[in-house]
Amino acid sequence: MTQENLVVFDIETVPDKDNFEGTGFPKPLFHIPVAIAFLHAEIVIEDLKEVYWLKELRCGGTAEYSEHDLLKAFIDYIEKQRPRLVSYNGRSFDLPVIKYRAMKHGLSAPMLTSRDYSYRYEQDHHCDLLEVLTDYGASTRPKLDEVCGVFGLPGKLGTDGSMVAGMYEAGQIKEIRDYCELDVLNTYLVYLRYALLSGKTSPSGYEQAVTDVRNYLERVRSEREHLGEFLDAWESR
């Protein structure tokens, strides 16, 4: 039996108004990360199949962290865990933002820039679900919320990415961080379906992982209201 780490991640950003003067959605270079959420699961390999155990779900740092400190904390975490990364559109957006902004602040991120993590078709180091589910652009690109709706998952709970800039200006950093955590949770649940589809896990392994998530949410719901709301929405579907 062997063990590995899996980290599902997502970022929320606002435009870099000091450098972006255009209209529309800025290029990754012109985004400032204001929240980086991640879910850490342990991968246990038994009889050539993977079993997943959720260890933690949170945002990095605190609401008071600067961009520099937020990026450094996430990069240091990845350097330490050396995980399999999972994202939804992470190759096209989240990681480019992190790399550009890390360079802006003079940070080093050798793991994230290594060939293993940079190679587009390497799913065991970085599985971008939007890439693999669309055969790397051969099919149309659905939004995460659309996939969740079809799969019976909660998806968005009243907040979406277009609202983040306004929330940030209103000082709603906690709400942004909570929203980012929910996107990560949705992504993880979609990944479990993909792991079943691709044969990485067995039907019983999939059911165990889903039960593990439900149990985790039940344990923390009294302290983390947004996760309780997610669980309620999930059960209602």
C-alpha atoms as a PDB file:
ATOM      1  CA  MET A   1       0.000   0.000   0.000  1.00  0.00           C
ATOM      2  CA  THR A   2       1.356   3.399  -0.997  1.00  0.00           C
ATOM      3  CA  GLN A   3       0.220   6.928  -0.184  1.00  0.00           C
ATOM      4  CA  GLU A   4       0.300  10.141  -2.187  1.00  0.00           C
ATOM      5  CA  ASN A   5      -1.119  13.649  -1.862  1.00  0.00           C
ATOM      6  CA  LEU A   6      -3.854  15.226  -3.959  1.00  0.00           C
ATOM      7  CA  VAL A   7      -4.519  18.974  -3.881  1.00  0.00           C
ATOM      8  CA  VAL A   8      -7.531  20.527  -5.607  1.00  0.00           C
ATOM      9  CA  PHE A   9      -7.123  24.283  -5.939  1.00  0.00           C
ATOM     10  CA  ASP A  10      -8.867  27.397  -7.193  1.00  0.00           C
ATOM     11  CA  ILE A  11      -8.197  31.127  -7.087  1.00  0.00           C
ATOM     12  CA  GLU A  12     -10.331  34.252  -7.044  1.00  0.00           C
ATOM     13  CA  THR A  13      -8.926  37.460  -8.484  1.00  0.00           C
ATOM     14  CA  VAL A  14      -9.565  41.129  -9.093  1.00  0.00           C
ATOM     15  CA  PRO A  15      -8.145  43.233 -11.951  1.00  0.00           C
ATOM     16  CA  ASP A  16      -4.750  44.879 -11.465  1.00  0.00           C
ATOM     17  CA  LYS A  17      -5.975  48.430 -11.978  1.00  0.00           C
ATOM     18  CA  ASP A  18      -2.440  49.841 -11.838  1.00  0.00           C
ATOM     19  CA  ASN A  19      -1.492  47.986 -15.008  1.00  0.00           C
ATOM     20  CA  PHE A  20      -4.725  47.084 -16.798  1.00  0.00           C
ATOM     21  CA  GLU A  21      -6.532  49.880 -18.581  1.00  0.00           C
ATOM     22  CA  GLY A  22      -8.556  47.907 -21.112  1.00  0.00           C
ATOM     23  CA  THR A  23     -12.080  46.573 -21.082  1.00  0.00           C
ATOM     24  CA  GLY A  24     -13.430  43.052 -20.826  1.00  0.00           C
ATOM     25  CA  PHE A  25     -11.803  40.160 -19.021  1.00  0.00           C
ATOM     26  CA  PRO A  26      -8.079  40.837 -18.396  1.00  0.00           C
ATOM     27  CA  LYS A  27      -5.311  38.461 -19.414  1.00  0.00           C
ATOM     28  CA  PRO A  28      -3.905  36.317 -16.550  1.00  0.00           C
ATOM     29  CA  LEU A  29      -0.997  38.739 -16.162  1.00  0.00           C
ATOM     30  CA  PHE A  30      -3.378  41.490 -15.042  1.00  0.00           C
ATOM     31  CA  HIS A  31      -5.145  39.593 -12.238  1.00  0.00           C
ATOM     32  CA  ILE A  32      -4.429  39.975  -8.518  1.00  0.00           C
ATOM     33  CA  PRO A  33      -5.216  36.839  -6.476  1.00  0.00           C
ATOM     34  CA  VAL A  34      -7.331  37.693  -3.438  1.00  0.00           C
ATOM     35  CA  ALA A  35      -8.148  34.108  -2.399  1.00  0.00           C
ATOM     36  CA  ILE A  36      -6.487  30.742  -3.020  1.00  0.00           C
ATOM     37  CA  ALA A  37      -8.467  27.767  -1.747  1.00  0.00           C
ATOM     38  CA  PHE A  38      -7.378  24.157  -1.695  1.00  0.00           C
ATOM     39  CA  LEU A  39      -8.607  20.739  -0.683  1.00  0.00           C
ATOM     40  CA  HIS A  40      -6.008  18.239   0.478  1.00  0.00           C
ATOM     41  CA  ALA A  41      -6.832  14.555   0.145  1.00  0.00           C
ATOM     42  CA  GLU A  42      -4.670  11.545   0.789  1.00  0.00           C
ATOM     43  CA  ILE A  43      -4.470   8.998  -2.010  1.00  0.00           C
ATOM     44  CA  VAL A  44      -4.124   5.436  -0.736  1.00  0.00           C
ATOM     45  CA  ILE A  45      -3.428   2.849  -3.421  1.00  0.00           C
ATOM     46  CA  GLU A  46      -4.888  -0.570  -2.682  1.00  0.00           C
ATOM     47  CA  ASP A  47      -4.996  -3.425  -5.214  1.00  0.00           C
ATOM     48  CA  LEU A  48      -3.950  -1.019  -7.993  1.00  0.00           C
ATOM     49  CA  LYS A  49      -6.928   1.291  -7.304  1.00  0.00           C
ATOM     50  CA  GLU A  50      -6.921   4.687  -5.610  1.00  0.00           C
ATOM     51  CA  VAL A  51      -8.883   5.507  -2.471  1.00  0.00           C
ATOM     52  CA  TYR A  52      -9.262   9.154  -1.413  1.00  0.00           C
ATOM     53  CA  TRP A  53      -9.471  10.533   2.130  1.00  0.00           C
ATOM     54  CA  LEU A  54     -10.242  14.218   2.620  1.00  0.00           C
ATOM     55  CA  LYS A  55      -7.826  15.816   5.098  1.00  0.00           C
ATOM     56  CA  GLU A  56      -8.603  19.536   4.919  1.00  0.00           C
ATOM     57  CA  LEU A  57     -10.445  22.173   2.955  1.00  0.00           C
ATOM     58  CA  ARG A  58      -9.537  25.807   3.478  1.00  0.00           C
ATOM     59  CA  CYS A  59      -8.221  29.022   2.011  1.00  0.00           C
ATOM     60  CA  GLY A  60      -4.553  29.834   2.356  1.00  0.00           C
ATOM     61  CA  GLY A  61      -3.398  32.496   4.781  1.00  0.00           C
ATOM     62  CA  THR A  62      -5.888  34.940   6.239  1.00  0.00           C
ATOM     63  CA  ALA A  63      -8.126  37.670   4.875  1.00  0.00           C
ATOM     64  CA  GLU A  64      -5.391  40.178   5.771  1.00  0.00           C
ATOM     65  CA  TYR A  65      -2.634  38.510   3.713  1.00  0.00           C
ATOM     66  CA  SER A  66      -0.959  40.593   1.018  1.00  0.00           C
ATOM     67  CA  GLU A  67      -0.742  39.264  -2.530  1.00  0.00           C
ATOM     68  CA  HIS A  68       2.916  38.386  -1.935  1.00  0.00           C
ATOM     69  CA  ASP A  69       2.184  36.451   1.255  1.00  0.00           C
ATOM     70  CA  LEU A  70      -0.825  34.667  -0.253  1.00  0.00           C
ATOM     71  CA  LEU A  71       1.204  33.463  -3.223  1.00  0.00           C
ATOM     72  CA  LYS A  72       4.205  32.470  -1.128  1.00  0.00           C
ATOM     73  CA  ALA A  73       2.084  30.456   1.296  1.00  0.00           C
ATOM     74  CA  PHE A  74       0.488  28.487  -1.546  1.00  0.00           C
ATOM     75  CA  ILE A  75       3.774  27.912  -3.361  1.00  0.00           C
ATOM     76  CA  ASP A  76       5.466  26.744  -0.148  1.00  0.00           C
ATOM     77  CA  TYR A  77       2.580  24.365   0.505  1.00  0.00           C
ATOM     78  CA  ILE A  78       2.874  22.820  -2.962  1.00  0.00           C
ATOM     79  CA  GLU A  79       6.649  22.541  -2.635  1.00  0.00           C
ATOM     80  CA  LYS A  80       6.177  20.661   0.654  1.00  0.00           C
ATOM     81  CA  GLN A  81       3.320  18.348  -0.366  1.00  0.00           C
ATOM     82  CA  ARG A  82       4.488  17.617  -3.935  1.00  0.00           C
ATOM     83  CA  PRO A  83       0.915  16.605  -4.780  1.00  0.00           C
ATOM     84  CA  ARG A  84      -1.140  15.672  -7.768  1.00  0.00           C
ATOM     85  CA  LEU A  85      -2.866  18.939  -8.607  1.00  0.00           C
ATOM     86  CA  VAL A  86      -6.484  19.051  -9.726  1.00  0.00           C
ATOM     87  CA  SER A  87      -8.167  22.141 -11.161  1.00  0.00           C
ATOM     88  CA  TYR A  88     -10.918  23.289 -13.473  1.00  0.00           C
ATOM     89  CA  ASN A  89      -9.356  25.517 -16.148  1.00  0.00           C
ATOM     90  CA  GLY A  90      -6.232  25.745 -14.010  1.00  0.00           C
ATOM     91  CA  ARG A  91      -3.819  25.450 -16.922  1.00  0.00           C
ATOM     92  CA  SER A  92      -5.376  28.329 -18.837  1.00  0.00           C
ATOM     93  CA  PHE A  93      -6.041  30.660 -15.933  1.00  0.00           C
ATOM     94  CA  ASP A  94      -5.202  29.810 -12.316  1.00  0.00           C
ATOM     95  CA  LEU A  95      -1.616  28.628 -12.747  1.00  0.00           C
ATOM     96  CA  PRO A  96      -0.663  31.337 -15.277  1.00  0.00           C
ATOM     97  CA  VAL A  97      -1.963  33.958 -12.830  1.00  0.00           C
ATOM     98  CA  ILE A  98       0.023  32.397  -9.989  1.00  0.00           C
ATOM     99  CA  LYS A  99       3.205  32.196 -12.086  1.00  0.00           C
ATOM    100  CA  TYR A 100       2.986  35.745 -13.470  1.00  0.00           C
ATOM    101  CA  ARG A 101       2.250  37.264 -10.082  1.00  0.00           C
ATOM    102  CA  ALA A 102       4.944  35.170  -8.382  1.00  0.00           C
ATOM    103  CA  MET A 103       7.432  36.560 -10.890  1.00  0.00           C
ATOM    104  CA  LYS A 104       6.178  40.076 -10.167  1.00  0.00           C
ATOM    105  CA  HIS A 105       6.981  39.562  -6.497  1.00  0.00           C
ATOM    106  CA  GLY A 106      10.292  37.800  -7.081  1.00  0.00           C
ATOM    107  CA  LEU A 107       9.149  34.433  -5.749  1.00  0.00           C
ATOM    108  CA  SER A 108      10.580  31.023  -6.651  1.00  0.00           C
ATOM    109  CA  ALA A 109       8.283  28.123  -7.576  1.00  0.00           C
ATOM    110  CA  PRO A 110      10.406  25.272  -8.993  1.00  0.00           C
ATOM    111  CA  MET A 111       7.724  22.603  -8.558  1.00  0.00           C
ATOM    112  CA  LEU A 112       5.039  24.535 -10.433  1.00  0.00           C
ATOM    113  CA  THR A 113       7.422  25.267 -13.306  1.00  0.00           C
ATOM    114  CA  SER A 114       8.880  21.763 -13.570  1.00  0.00           C
ATOM    115  CA  ARG A 115       8.202  19.633 -16.639  1.00  0.00           C
ATOM    116  CA  ASP A 116       5.996  17.265 -14.645  1.00  0.00           C
ATOM    117  CA  TYR A 117       3.569  20.036 -13.690  1.00  0.00           C
ATOM    118  CA  SER A 118       3.862  22.006 -16.920  1.00  0.00           C
ATOM    119  CA  TYR A 119       3.341  19.193 -19.420  1.00  0.00           C
ATOM    120  CA  ARG A 120      -0.203  19.589 -20.710  1.00  0.00           C
ATOM    121  CA  TYR A 121      -1.070  15.898 -21.064  1.00  0.00           C
ATOM    122  CA  GLU A 122       0.313  14.684 -17.716  1.00  0.00           C
ATOM    123  CA  GLN A 123      -2.730  13.931 -15.554  1.00  0.00           C
ATOM    124  CA  ASP A 124      -0.860  12.374 -12.636  1.00  0.00           C
ATOM    125  CA  HIS A 125       0.824  15.672 -11.766  1.00  0.00           C
ATOM    126  CA  HIS A 126      -1.808  18.187 -12.829  1.00  0.00           C
ATOM    127  CA  CYS A 127      -5.248  17.065 -13.927  1.00  0.00           C
ATOM    128  CA  ASP A 128      -7.113  20.026 -15.373  1.00  0.00           C
ATOM    129  CA  LEU A 129     -10.634  18.670 -15.583  1.00  0.00           C
ATOM    130  CA  LEU A 130     -11.722  21.137 -18.237  1.00  0.00           C
ATOM    131  CA  GLU A 131      -8.876  19.908 -20.422  1.00  0.00           C
ATOM    132  CA  VAL A 132      -9.404  16.180 -19.966  1.00  0.00           C
ATOM    133  CA  LEU A 133     -13.207  16.283 -20.164  1.00  0.00           C
ATOM    134  CA  THR A 134     -13.116  18.177 -23.464  1.00  0.00           C
ATOM    135  CA  ASP A 135     -10.271  16.088 -24.927  1.00  0.00           C
ATOM    136  CA  TYR A 136      -7.960  19.103 -24.743  1.00  0.00           C
ATOM    137  CA  GLY A 137     -10.224  21.432 -26.639  1.00  0.00           C
ATOM    138  CA  ALA A 138     -11.717  18.976 -29.136  1.00  0.00           C
ATOM    139  CA  SER A 139     -15.137  19.406 -27.512  1.00  0.00           C
ATOM    140  CA  THR A 140     -16.975  22.504 -26.269  1.00  0.00           C
ATOM    141  CA  ARG A 141     -15.941  23.861 -22.875  1.00  0.00           C
ATOM    142  CA  PRO A 142     -18.719  23.755 -20.250  1.00  0.00           C
ATOM    143  CA  LYS A 143     -18.615  25.849 -17.102  1.00  0.00           C
ATOM    144  CA  LEU A 144     -17.999  24.063 -13.818  1.00  0.00           C
ATOM    145  CA  ASP A 145     -21.497  25.022 -12.669  1.00  0.00           C
ATOM    146  CA  GLU A 146     -22.995  23.373 -15.761  1.00  0.00           C
ATOM    147  CA  VAL A 147     -21.133  20.127 -15.118  1.00  0.00           C
ATOM    148  CA  CYS A 148     -22.217  20.167 -11.478  1.00  0.00           C
ATOM    149  CA  GLY A 149     -25.842  20.683 -12.489  1.00  0.00           C
ATOM    150  CA  VAL A 150     -25.836  17.630 -14.746  1.00  0.00           C
ATOM    151  CA  PHE A 151     -24.057  15.509 -12.112  1.00  0.00           C
ATOM    152  CA  GLY A 152     -26.477  16.460  -9.334  1.00  0.00           C
ATOM    153  CA  LEU A 153     -23.901  18.488  -7.407  1.00  0.00           C
ATOM    154  CA  PRO A 154     -24.639  21.832  -5.701  1.00  0.00           C
ATOM    155  CA  GLY A 155     -22.541  24.021  -8.018  1.00  0.00           C
ATOM    156  CA  LYS A 156     -22.777  27.766  -7.385  1.00  0.00           C
ATOM    157  CA  LEU A 157     -24.776  28.863  -4.344  1.00  0.00           C
ATOM    158  CA  GLY A 158     -25.741  32.389  -5.326  1.00  0.00           C
ATOM    159  CA  THR A 159     -22.249  33.722  -6.035  1.00  0.00           C
ATOM    160  CA  ASP A 160     -20.183  33.549  -9.222  1.00  0.00           C
ATOM    161  CA  GLY A 161     -16.842  34.861 -10.390  1.00  0.00           C
ATOM    162  CA  SER A 162     -18.303  37.956 -12.025  1.00  0.00           C
ATOM    163  CA  MET A 163     -19.291  39.211  -8.570  1.00  0.00           C
ATOM    164  CA  VAL A 164     -15.875  38.933  -6.933  1.00  0.00           C
ATOM    165  CA  ALA A 165     -14.509  42.366  -7.888  1.00  0.00           C
ATOM    166  CA  GLY A 166     -17.572  44.093  -6.444  1.00  0.00           C
ATOM    167  CA  MET A 167     -17.425  41.955  -3.313  1.00  0.00           C
ATOM    168  CA  TYR A 168     -13.749  42.831  -2.892  1.00  0.00           C
ATOM    169  CA  GLU A 169     -14.432  46.549  -3.161  1.00  0.00           C
ATOM    170  CA  ALA A 170     -17.164  46.130  -0.540  1.00  0.00           C
ATOM    171  CA  GLY A 171     -14.691  44.453   1.824  1.00  0.00           C
ATOM    172  CA  GLN A 172     -16.357  41.045   1.622  1.00  0.00           C
ATOM    173  CA  ILE A 173     -13.111  39.077   1.762  1.00  0.00           C
ATOM    174  CA  LYS A 174     -14.508  36.308   3.966  1.00  0.00           C
ATOM    175  CA  GLU A 175     -17.380  35.771   1.537  1.00  0.00           C
ATOM    176  CA  ILE A 176     -14.923  35.557  -1.365  1.00  0.00           C
ATOM    177  CA  ARG A 177     -12.835  33.010   0.519  1.00  0.00           C
ATOM    178  CA  ASP A 178     -15.935  30.945   1.360  1.00  0.00           C
ATOM    179  CA  TYR A 179     -17.022  31.016  -2.289  1.00  0.00           C
ATOM    180  CA  CYS A 180     -13.555  29.900  -3.412  1.00  0.00           C
ATOM    181  CA  GLU A 181     -13.688  26.946  -1.032  1.00  0.00           C
ATOM    182  CA  LEU A 182     -17.025  25.863  -2.496  1.00  0.00           C
ATOM    183  CA  ASP A 183     -15.603  25.942  -6.023  1.00  0.00           C
ATOM    184  CA  VAL A 184     -12.796  23.682  -4.833  1.00  0.00           C
ATOM    185  CA  LEU A 185     -15.283  21.317  -3.237  1.00  0.00           C
ATOM    186  CA  ASN A 186     -17.343  21.120  -6.433  1.00  0.00           C
ATOM    187  CA  THR A 187     -14.155  20.476  -8.410  1.00  0.00           C
ATOM    188  CA  TYR A 188     -13.134  17.643  -6.096  1.00  0.00           C
ATOM    189  CA  LEU A 189     -16.523  15.954  -6.449  1.00  0.00           C
ATOM    190  CA  VAL A 190     -16.299  16.196 -10.249  1.00  0.00           C
ATOM    191  CA  TYR A 191     -12.786  14.747 -10.055  1.00  0.00           C
ATOM    192  CA  LEU A 192     -14.077  11.750  -8.104  1.00  0.00           C
ATOM    193  CA  ARG A 193     -16.516  11.068 -10.956  1.00  0.00           C
ATOM    194  CA  TYR A 194     -13.655  11.315 -13.436  1.00  0.00           C
ATOM    195  CA  ALA A 195     -11.490   9.002 -11.339  1.00  0.00           C
ATOM    196  CA  LEU A 196     -14.306   6.446 -11.484  1.00  0.00           C
ATOM    197  CA  LEU A 197     -14.765   6.959 -15.225  1.00  0.00           C
ATOM    198  CA  SER A 198     -11.060   6.545 -15.938  1.00  0.00           C
ATOM    199  CA  GLY A 199     -10.643   3.506 -13.695  1.00  0.00           C
ATOM    200  CA  LYS A 200      -8.353   5.161 -11.178  1.00  0.00           C
ATOM    201  CA  THR A 201     -10.821   4.236  -8.459  1.00  0.00           C
ATOM    202  CA  SER A 202     -13.380   1.468  -8.145  1.00  0.00           C
ATOM    203  CA  PRO A 203     -17.129   1.917  -7.647  1.00  0.00           C
ATOM    204  CA  SER A 204     -16.698   1.073  -3.959  1.00  0.00           C
ATOM    205  CA  GLY A 205     -13.753   3.476  -3.738  1.00  0.00           C
ATOM    206  CA  TYR A 206     -15.855   6.213  -5.273  1.00  0.00           C
ATOM    207  CA  GLU A 207     -18.716   5.622  -2.837  1.00  0.00           C
ATOM    208  CA  GLN A 208     -16.271   5.645   0.074  1.00  0.00           C
ATOM    209  CA  ALA A 209     -14.807   8.974  -1.066  1.00  0.00           C
ATOM    210  CA  VAL A 210     -18.236  10.593  -1.432  1.00  0.00           C
ATOM    211  CA  THR A 211     -19.290   9.337   2.007  1.00  0.00           C
ATOM    212  CA  ASP A 212     -16.021  10.707   3.396  1.00  0.00           C
ATOM    213  CA  VAL A 213     -16.845  14.159   1.991  1.00  0.00           C
ATOM    214  CA  ARG A 214     -20.353  14.090   3.440  1.00  0.00           C
ATOM    215  CA  ASN A 215     -19.009  13.080   6.844  1.00  0.00           C
ATOM    216  CA  TYR A 216     -16.427  15.870   6.745  1.00  0.00           C
ATOM    217  CA  LEU A 217     -19.060  18.478   5.905  1.00  0.00           C
ATOM    218  CA  GLU A 218     -21.306  17.221   8.693  1.00  0.00           C
ATOM    219  CA  ARG A 219     -18.450  17.492  11.199  1.00  0.00           C
ATOM    220  CA  VAL A 220     -17.549  21.091  10.355  1.00  0.00           C
ATOM    221  CA  ARG A 221     -20.934  22.585   9.465  1.00  0.00           C
ATOM    222  CA  SER A 222     -21.516  24.182  12.869  1.00  0.00           C
ATOM    223  CA  GLU A 223     -18.314  26.228  12.582  1.00  0.00           C
ATOM    224  CA  ARG A 224     -18.378  26.838   8.825  1.00  0.00           C
ATOM    225  CA  GLU A 225     -21.856  27.825   7.737  1.00  0.00           C
ATOM    226  CA  HIS A 226     -21.143  27.866   4.007  1.00  0.00           C
ATOM    227  CA  LEU A 227     -20.107  24.205   4.081  1.00  0.00           C
ATOM    228  CA  GLY A 228     -23.335  23.316   5.873  1.00  0.00           C
ATOM    229  CA  GLU A 229     -25.283  25.133   3.174  1.00  0.00           C
ATOM    230  CA  PHE A 230     -23.381  23.172   0.544  1.00  0.00           C
ATOM    231  CA  LEU A 231     -24.254  19.886   2.238  1.00  0.00           C
ATOM    232  CA  ASP A 232     -27.921  20.845   2.483  1.00  0.00           C
ATOM    233  CA  ALA A 233     -28.011  21.807  -1.198  1.00  0.00           C
ATOM    234  CA  TRP A 234     -26.306  18.541  -2.125  1.00  0.00           C
ATOM    235  CA  GLU A 235     -28.746  16.431  -0.146  1.00  0.00           C
ATOM    236  CA  SER A 236     -31.718  18.258  -1.665  1.00  0.00           C
ATOM    237  CA  ARG A 237     -30.554  17.153  -5.118  1.00  0.00           C
END
